């Protein structure tokens, strides 16, 4: 069994962003030479997410509005966590969107359903954060 590990680093310009990382994960898969197995992709920070969905601008705007409705950034005083930092909403948004994804690898390719893409979701940006890619298989 083979094992491969790679990190992706991000420093977004905005507090919240969705970034399609599918090509970077596919590149890591090619580098691993794994033909059959699994890819794990997870955010290594508690205010960021990795998730699978469609790469459609309107849907991303819907996510932003939906998440902001569930856990609004402001007023900061509404959250007990806020004190030194003002990112309680980012922790909640990450919990909703999830920490990681796992994708099957078949014949050396990500075994996706129609329209599926991998995204990094940033909810407290403007600082350096990383995503782990771990590939296991033959």
N, C-alpha and C. Protein backbone atom coordinates (compact mmCIF):
# COMPACT_ATOMS: atom_id res chain seq x y z
N UNK A 1 0.83 -1.17 0.00
CA UNK A 1 0.00 0.00 0.00
C UNK A 1 0.89 1.25 0.00
N UNK A 2 0.50 2.23 -0.81
CA UNK A 2 1.21 3.49 -0.88
C UNK A 2 0.51 4.53 -0.01
N UNK A 3 1.29 5.49 0.44
CA UNK A 3 0.76 6.62 1.19
C UNK A 3 1.46 7.87 0.69
N UNK A 4 0.70 8.92 0.49
CA UNK A 4 1.23 10.19 -0.02
C UNK A 4 0.61 11.34 0.75
N UNK A 5 1.43 12.32 1.08
CA UNK A 5 0.95 13.47 1.85
C UNK A 5 1.41 14.76 1.19
N UNK A 6 0.51 15.74 1.11
CA UNK A 6 0.84 17.04 0.55
C UNK A 6 0.02 18.10 1.26
N UNK A 7 0.60 19.28 1.41
CA UNK A 7 -0.12 20.40 2.00
C UNK A 7 -0.34 21.49 0.96
N UNK A 8 -1.51 22.11 1.03
CA UNK A 8 -1.82 23.31 0.25
C UNK A 8 -1.91 24.46 1.25
N UNK A 9 -1.36 25.61 0.89
CA UNK A 9 -1.39 26.77 1.77
C UNK A 9 -2.21 27.88 1.13
N UNK A 10 -2.97 28.59 1.97
CA UNK A 10 -3.83 29.67 1.52
C UNK A 10 -3.66 30.88 2.42
N UNK A 11 -3.73 32.05 1.83
CA UNK A 11 -3.85 33.31 2.57
C UNK A 11 -4.79 34.18 1.76
N UNK A 12 -6.07 34.10 2.08
CA UNK A 12 -7.08 34.78 1.29
C UNK A 12 -7.05 36.28 1.53
N UNK A 13 -7.52 37.01 0.54
CA UNK A 13 -7.59 38.47 0.63
C UNK A 13 -8.81 38.92 1.41
N UNK A 14 -9.83 38.06 1.46
CA UNK A 14 -11.08 38.40 2.12
C UNK A 14 -11.29 37.52 3.35
N UNK A 15 -12.16 37.95 4.21
CA UNK A 15 -12.49 37.17 5.41
C UNK A 15 -13.13 35.84 5.02
N UNK A 16 -14.00 35.86 4.01
CA UNK A 16 -14.67 34.63 3.57
C UNK A 16 -14.48 34.44 2.07
N UNK A 17 -14.08 33.23 1.70
CA UNK A 17 -13.93 32.88 0.27
C UNK A 17 -14.16 31.39 0.09
N UNK A 18 -14.60 31.05 -1.12
CA UNK A 18 -14.68 29.66 -1.55
C UNK A 18 -13.71 29.50 -2.72
N UNK A 19 -12.78 28.53 -2.61
CA UNK A 19 -11.75 28.33 -3.62
C UNK A 19 -11.84 26.90 -4.14
N UNK A 20 -11.97 26.76 -5.45
CA UNK A 20 -12.00 25.43 -6.06
C UNK A 20 -10.58 24.86 -6.04
N UNK A 21 -10.38 23.74 -5.33
CA UNK A 21 -9.06 23.12 -5.22
C UNK A 21 -8.99 21.77 -5.93
N UNK A 22 -9.97 21.50 -6.77
CA UNK A 22 -10.02 20.20 -7.45
C UNK A 22 -8.76 19.92 -8.25
N UNK A 23 -8.28 20.89 -9.02
CA UNK A 23 -7.08 20.67 -9.83
C UNK A 23 -5.86 20.37 -8.97
N UNK A 24 -5.73 21.04 -7.83
CA UNK A 24 -4.59 20.78 -6.94
C UNK A 24 -4.66 19.37 -6.36
N UNK A 25 -5.87 18.89 -6.05
CA UNK A 25 -6.04 17.53 -5.53
C UNK A 25 -5.74 16.52 -6.63
N UNK A 26 -6.20 16.78 -7.84
CA UNK A 26 -5.90 15.89 -8.97
C UNK A 26 -4.40 15.83 -9.24
N UNK A 27 -3.72 16.96 -9.12
CA UNK A 27 -2.27 16.99 -9.29
C UNK A 27 -1.58 16.12 -8.24
N UNK A 28 -2.01 16.26 -6.99
CA UNK A 28 -1.45 15.44 -5.92
C UNK A 28 -1.69 13.96 -6.18
N UNK A 29 -2.86 13.63 -6.70
CA UNK A 29 -3.17 12.23 -7.02
C UNK A 29 -2.22 11.70 -8.09
N UNK A 30 -1.96 12.49 -9.12
CA UNK A 30 -1.00 12.07 -10.15
C UNK A 30 0.39 11.88 -9.54
N UNK A 31 0.81 12.80 -8.68
CA UNK A 31 2.12 12.70 -8.03
C UNK A 31 2.23 11.44 -7.17
N UNK A 32 1.12 11.00 -6.59
CA UNK A 32 1.13 9.83 -5.69
C UNK A 32 1.28 8.51 -6.43
N UNK A 33 0.90 8.48 -7.69
CA UNK A 33 0.87 7.24 -8.49
C UNK A 33 -0.10 6.19 -7.95
N UNK A 34 -1.05 6.61 -7.12
CA UNK A 34 -2.08 5.70 -6.62
C UNK A 34 -3.15 5.56 -7.70
N UNK A 35 -3.51 4.32 -8.02
CA UNK A 35 -4.53 4.05 -9.04
C UNK A 35 -5.86 3.63 -8.43
N UNK A 36 -5.80 2.99 -7.25
CA UNK A 36 -7.01 2.54 -6.56
C UNK A 36 -6.84 2.85 -5.08
N UNK A 37 -7.78 3.59 -4.50
CA UNK A 37 -7.66 3.93 -3.09
C UNK A 37 -8.58 5.06 -2.70
N UNK A 38 -8.06 5.92 -1.81
CA UNK A 38 -8.87 7.02 -1.30
C UNK A 38 -8.02 8.27 -1.14
N UNK A 39 -8.68 9.42 -1.31
CA UNK A 39 -8.07 10.72 -1.05
C UNK A 39 -8.85 11.37 0.09
N UNK A 40 -8.11 11.78 1.11
CA UNK A 40 -8.67 12.57 2.20
C UNK A 40 -8.16 13.99 2.03
N UNK A 41 -9.05 14.96 2.10
CA UNK A 41 -8.66 16.36 2.04
C UNK A 41 -9.31 17.05 3.22
N UNK A 42 -8.49 17.63 4.12
CA UNK A 42 -9.09 18.29 5.26
C UNK A 42 -8.41 19.61 5.61
N UNK A 43 -9.25 20.52 6.08
CA UNK A 43 -8.77 21.82 6.55
C UNK A 43 -8.09 21.62 7.89
N UNK A 44 -6.93 22.22 8.04
CA UNK A 44 -6.14 22.07 9.27
C UNK A 44 -6.33 23.25 10.22
N UNK A 45 -7.44 23.96 10.05
CA UNK A 45 -7.75 25.11 10.90
C UNK A 45 -9.23 25.09 11.24
N UNK A 46 -9.58 25.52 12.42
CA UNK A 46 -10.95 25.38 12.90
C UNK A 46 -11.89 26.47 12.42
N UNK A 47 -11.41 27.34 11.53
CA UNK A 47 -12.28 28.36 10.93
C UNK A 47 -12.26 28.25 9.41
N UNK A 48 -11.92 27.06 8.91
CA UNK A 48 -11.91 26.79 7.47
C UNK A 48 -12.53 25.42 7.23
N UNK A 49 -12.93 25.18 5.99
CA UNK A 49 -13.66 23.97 5.66
C UNK A 49 -13.19 23.40 4.33
N UNK A 50 -13.41 22.12 4.12
CA UNK A 50 -13.27 21.49 2.81
C UNK A 50 -14.59 20.77 2.55
N UNK A 51 -15.16 20.99 1.37
CA UNK A 51 -16.44 20.37 1.05
C UNK A 51 -16.53 20.11 -0.45
N UNK A 52 -17.50 19.29 -0.83
CA UNK A 52 -17.75 18.97 -2.25
C UNK A 52 -19.09 19.55 -2.64
N UNK A 53 -19.10 20.23 -3.79
CA UNK A 53 -20.35 20.72 -4.35
C UNK A 53 -20.11 21.18 -5.77
N UNK A 54 -21.08 21.83 -6.35
CA UNK A 54 -21.03 22.34 -7.72
C UNK A 54 -20.25 23.65 -7.76
N UNK A 55 -19.50 23.88 -8.83
CA UNK A 55 -18.77 25.13 -9.00
C UNK A 55 -19.64 26.10 -9.79
N UNK A 56 -20.60 26.69 -9.08
CA UNK A 56 -21.56 27.59 -9.71
C UNK A 56 -21.65 28.84 -8.86
N UNK A 57 -21.40 30.00 -9.46
CA UNK A 57 -21.30 31.27 -8.72
C UNK A 57 -22.55 31.56 -7.90
N UNK A 58 -23.71 31.35 -8.47
CA UNK A 58 -24.95 31.62 -7.74
C UNK A 58 -25.07 30.75 -6.50
N UNK A 59 -24.66 29.49 -6.60
CA UNK A 59 -24.70 28.59 -5.46
C UNK A 59 -23.75 29.08 -4.36
N UNK A 60 -22.57 29.56 -4.76
CA UNK A 60 -21.62 30.07 -3.77
C UNK A 60 -22.18 31.30 -3.06
N UNK A 61 -22.89 32.14 -3.79
CA UNK A 61 -23.54 33.30 -3.16
C UNK A 61 -24.64 32.84 -2.21
N UNK A 62 -25.36 31.77 -2.61
CA UNK A 62 -26.39 31.21 -1.74
C UNK A 62 -25.77 30.67 -0.45
N UNK A 63 -24.63 29.97 -0.56
CA UNK A 63 -23.93 29.50 0.65
C UNK A 63 -23.60 30.66 1.57
N UNK A 64 -23.02 31.72 0.98
CA UNK A 64 -22.61 32.88 1.76
C UNK A 64 -23.80 33.48 2.51
N UNK A 65 -24.90 33.68 1.82
CA UNK A 65 -26.09 34.27 2.44
C UNK A 65 -26.69 33.35 3.48
N UNK A 66 -26.75 32.06 3.18
CA UNK A 66 -27.31 31.07 4.10
C UNK A 66 -26.48 31.00 5.38
N UNK A 67 -25.16 30.89 5.22
CA UNK A 67 -24.27 30.81 6.38
C UNK A 67 -24.33 32.10 7.21
N UNK A 68 -24.37 33.23 6.54
CA UNK A 68 -24.44 34.51 7.25
C UNK A 68 -25.76 34.62 8.01
N UNK A 69 -26.83 34.06 7.46
CA UNK A 69 -28.11 34.04 8.17
C UNK A 69 -28.08 33.16 9.41
N UNK A 70 -27.38 32.03 9.31
CA UNK A 70 -27.28 31.11 10.45
C UNK A 70 -26.32 31.61 11.53
N UNK A 71 -25.19 32.17 11.10
CA UNK A 71 -24.15 32.62 12.04
C UNK A 71 -23.59 33.95 11.54
N UNK A 72 -24.32 35.04 11.75
CA UNK A 72 -23.86 36.33 11.26
C UNK A 72 -22.55 36.76 11.92
N UNK A 73 -21.70 37.39 11.12
CA UNK A 73 -20.42 37.87 11.65
C UNK A 73 -20.63 38.90 12.75
N UNK A 74 -21.56 39.83 12.54
CA UNK A 74 -21.78 40.92 13.49
C UNK A 74 -23.22 40.91 13.98
N UNK A 75 -23.50 41.42 15.14
CA UNK A 75 -22.57 42.10 16.03
C UNK A 75 -21.67 41.09 16.75
N UNK A 76 -20.42 41.45 16.92
CA UNK A 76 -19.46 40.57 17.57
C UNK A 76 -19.89 40.24 19.00
N UNK A 77 -20.60 41.14 19.62
CA UNK A 77 -21.00 40.97 21.02
C UNK A 77 -22.02 39.85 21.22
N UNK A 78 -22.60 39.34 20.15
CA UNK A 78 -23.61 38.28 20.30
C UNK A 78 -22.99 36.94 20.68
N UNK A 79 -21.65 36.81 20.53
CA UNK A 79 -20.97 35.53 20.78
C UNK A 79 -20.11 35.59 22.04
N UNK A 80 -20.22 34.58 22.85
CA UNK A 80 -19.40 34.48 24.07
C UNK A 80 -17.93 34.24 23.75
N UNK A 81 -17.65 33.58 22.63
CA UNK A 81 -16.26 33.28 22.23
C UNK A 81 -15.48 34.54 21.91
N UNK A 82 -16.15 35.53 21.35
CA UNK A 82 -15.45 36.74 20.92
C UNK A 82 -14.93 37.51 22.13
N UNK A 83 -13.70 37.88 22.01
CA UNK A 83 -13.02 38.63 23.06
C UNK A 83 -11.72 39.09 22.45
N UNK A 84 -10.71 38.24 22.53
CA UNK A 84 -9.44 38.54 21.88
C UNK A 84 -9.59 38.52 20.36
N UNK A 85 -10.38 37.57 19.86
CA UNK A 85 -10.65 37.48 18.43
C UNK A 85 -12.13 37.72 18.19
N UNK A 86 -12.47 38.00 16.92
CA UNK A 86 -13.87 38.24 16.56
C UNK A 86 -14.35 37.21 15.55
N UNK A 87 -14.01 35.93 15.78
CA UNK A 87 -14.27 34.92 14.76
C UNK A 87 -15.20 33.79 15.19
N UNK A 88 -16.03 34.02 16.18
CA UNK A 88 -16.95 32.97 16.62
C UNK A 88 -17.83 32.48 15.47
N UNK A 89 -18.28 33.42 14.64
CA UNK A 89 -19.11 33.04 13.50
C UNK A 89 -18.38 32.08 12.57
N UNK A 90 -17.07 32.27 12.39
CA UNK A 90 -16.27 31.41 11.51
C UNK A 90 -16.20 29.99 12.04
N UNK A 91 -16.12 29.83 13.35
CA UNK A 91 -16.12 28.49 13.95
C UNK A 91 -17.44 27.78 13.66
N UNK A 92 -18.54 28.51 13.80
CA UNK A 92 -19.86 27.92 13.55
C UNK A 92 -20.04 27.57 12.07
N UNK A 93 -19.60 28.46 11.18
CA UNK A 93 -19.72 28.20 9.74
C UNK A 93 -18.92 26.98 9.34
N UNK A 94 -17.73 26.83 9.90
CA UNK A 94 -16.91 25.65 9.62
C UNK A 94 -17.63 24.37 10.07
N UNK A 95 -18.27 24.42 11.23
CA UNK A 95 -18.98 23.25 11.72
C UNK A 95 -20.09 22.85 10.77
N UNK A 96 -20.78 23.82 10.23
CA UNK A 96 -21.87 23.56 9.28
C UNK A 96 -21.34 22.97 7.97
N UNK A 97 -20.26 23.54 7.43
CA UNK A 97 -19.74 23.13 6.12
C UNK A 97 -18.84 21.90 6.19
N UNK A 98 -18.34 21.57 7.36
CA UNK A 98 -17.55 20.36 7.52
C UNK A 98 -16.06 20.57 7.46
N UNK A 99 -15.34 19.60 7.99
CA UNK A 99 -13.89 19.65 8.10
C UNK A 99 -13.18 19.05 6.91
N UNK A 100 -13.72 17.92 6.38
CA UNK A 100 -12.98 17.18 5.36
C UNK A 100 -13.91 16.46 4.39
N UNK A 101 -13.26 15.96 3.33
CA UNK A 101 -13.96 15.10 2.37
C UNK A 101 -13.07 13.88 2.11
N UNK A 102 -13.71 12.81 1.68
CA UNK A 102 -13.00 11.61 1.22
C UNK A 102 -13.57 11.27 -0.14
N UNK A 103 -12.67 11.03 -1.10
CA UNK A 103 -13.09 10.68 -2.46
C UNK A 103 -12.41 9.37 -2.84
N UNK A 104 -13.17 8.46 -3.43
CA UNK A 104 -12.59 7.22 -3.94
C UNK A 104 -11.71 7.52 -5.15
N UNK A 105 -10.67 6.73 -5.31
CA UNK A 105 -9.80 6.79 -6.48
C UNK A 105 -10.02 5.51 -7.27
N UNK A 106 -10.37 5.66 -8.54
CA UNK A 106 -10.59 4.52 -9.43
C UNK A 106 -9.84 4.77 -10.73
N UNK A 107 -9.03 3.82 -11.13
CA UNK A 107 -8.23 3.96 -12.35
C UNK A 107 -7.42 5.26 -12.36
N UNK A 108 -6.89 5.66 -11.20
CA UNK A 108 -6.03 6.83 -11.11
C UNK A 108 -6.74 8.16 -11.17
N UNK A 109 -8.08 8.17 -11.04
CA UNK A 109 -8.85 9.41 -11.11
C UNK A 109 -9.79 9.52 -9.92
N UNK A 110 -10.11 10.77 -9.56
CA UNK A 110 -11.11 11.00 -8.53
C UNK A 110 -12.45 10.48 -9.04
N UNK A 111 -13.10 9.65 -8.27
CA UNK A 111 -14.35 8.99 -8.68
C UNK A 111 -15.53 9.85 -8.24
N UNK A 112 -15.79 10.91 -9.00
CA UNK A 112 -16.81 11.90 -8.70
C UNK A 112 -18.15 11.57 -9.36
N UNK A 113 -19.20 12.10 -8.78
CA UNK A 113 -20.49 12.15 -9.43
C UNK A 113 -20.53 13.39 -10.32
N UNK A 114 -21.61 13.53 -11.10
CA UNK A 114 -21.72 14.69 -11.99
C UNK A 114 -21.62 16.00 -11.21
N UNK A 115 -20.84 16.92 -11.74
CA UNK A 115 -20.69 18.29 -11.26
C UNK A 115 -19.90 18.43 -9.95
N UNK A 116 -19.48 17.33 -9.35
CA UNK A 116 -18.78 17.43 -8.07
C UNK A 116 -17.39 18.04 -8.24
N UNK A 117 -17.08 18.98 -7.35
CA UNK A 117 -15.78 19.64 -7.29
C UNK A 117 -15.42 19.78 -5.81
N UNK A 118 -14.13 19.96 -5.52
CA UNK A 118 -13.66 20.09 -4.14
C UNK A 118 -13.35 21.57 -3.87
N UNK A 119 -13.83 22.07 -2.73
CA UNK A 119 -13.65 23.47 -2.38
C UNK A 119 -13.02 23.63 -1.00
N UNK A 120 -12.20 24.67 -0.91
CA UNK A 120 -11.72 25.17 0.38
C UNK A 120 -12.61 26.33 0.74
N UNK A 121 -13.20 26.28 1.91
CA UNK A 121 -14.04 27.36 2.40
C UNK A 121 -13.33 28.08 3.52
N UNK A 122 -13.10 29.36 3.33
CA UNK A 122 -12.42 30.19 4.33
C UNK A 122 -13.45 31.09 4.99
N UNK A 123 -13.49 31.09 6.33
CA UNK A 123 -14.47 31.88 7.06
C UNK A 123 -13.85 32.92 7.99
N UNK A 124 -12.52 32.92 8.09
CA UNK A 124 -11.80 33.89 8.92
C UNK A 124 -10.43 34.11 8.28
N UNK A 125 -10.44 34.66 7.09
CA UNK A 125 -9.23 34.74 6.26
C UNK A 125 -8.28 35.85 6.61
N UNK A 126 -7.46 36.14 5.61
CA UNK A 126 -6.42 37.17 5.70
C UNK A 126 -5.25 36.73 6.56
N UNK A 127 -5.10 35.41 6.72
CA UNK A 127 -3.93 34.86 7.39
C UNK A 127 -3.64 33.48 6.81
N UNK A 128 -2.43 33.03 7.00
CA UNK A 128 -1.97 31.80 6.36
C UNK A 128 -2.59 30.57 7.02
N UNK A 129 -3.16 29.70 6.18
CA UNK A 129 -3.77 28.45 6.65
C UNK A 129 -3.47 27.34 5.66
N UNK A 130 -3.63 26.09 6.12
CA UNK A 130 -3.29 24.97 5.25
C UNK A 130 -4.38 23.92 5.18
N UNK A 131 -4.27 23.14 4.11
CA UNK A 131 -5.15 22.00 3.86
C UNK A 131 -4.24 20.79 3.67
N UNK A 132 -4.62 19.68 4.26
CA UNK A 132 -3.88 18.43 4.13
C UNK A 132 -4.53 17.56 3.08
N UNK A 133 -3.72 17.01 2.18
CA UNK A 133 -4.16 15.98 1.24
C UNK A 133 -3.44 14.70 1.62
N UNK A 134 -4.16 13.64 1.90
CA UNK A 134 -3.59 12.34 2.24
C UNK A 134 -4.19 11.31 1.30
N UNK A 135 -3.32 10.62 0.58
CA UNK A 135 -3.77 9.63 -0.42
C UNK A 135 -3.22 8.27 0.00
N UNK A 136 -4.12 7.29 0.04
CA UNK A 136 -3.74 5.93 0.42
C UNK A 136 -4.31 4.97 -0.60
N UNK A 137 -3.49 4.02 -1.04
CA UNK A 137 -3.98 3.01 -1.96
C UNK A 137 -2.85 2.29 -2.68
N UNK A 138 -3.21 1.67 -3.77
CA UNK A 138 -2.25 0.92 -4.59
C UNK A 138 -2.11 1.56 -5.95
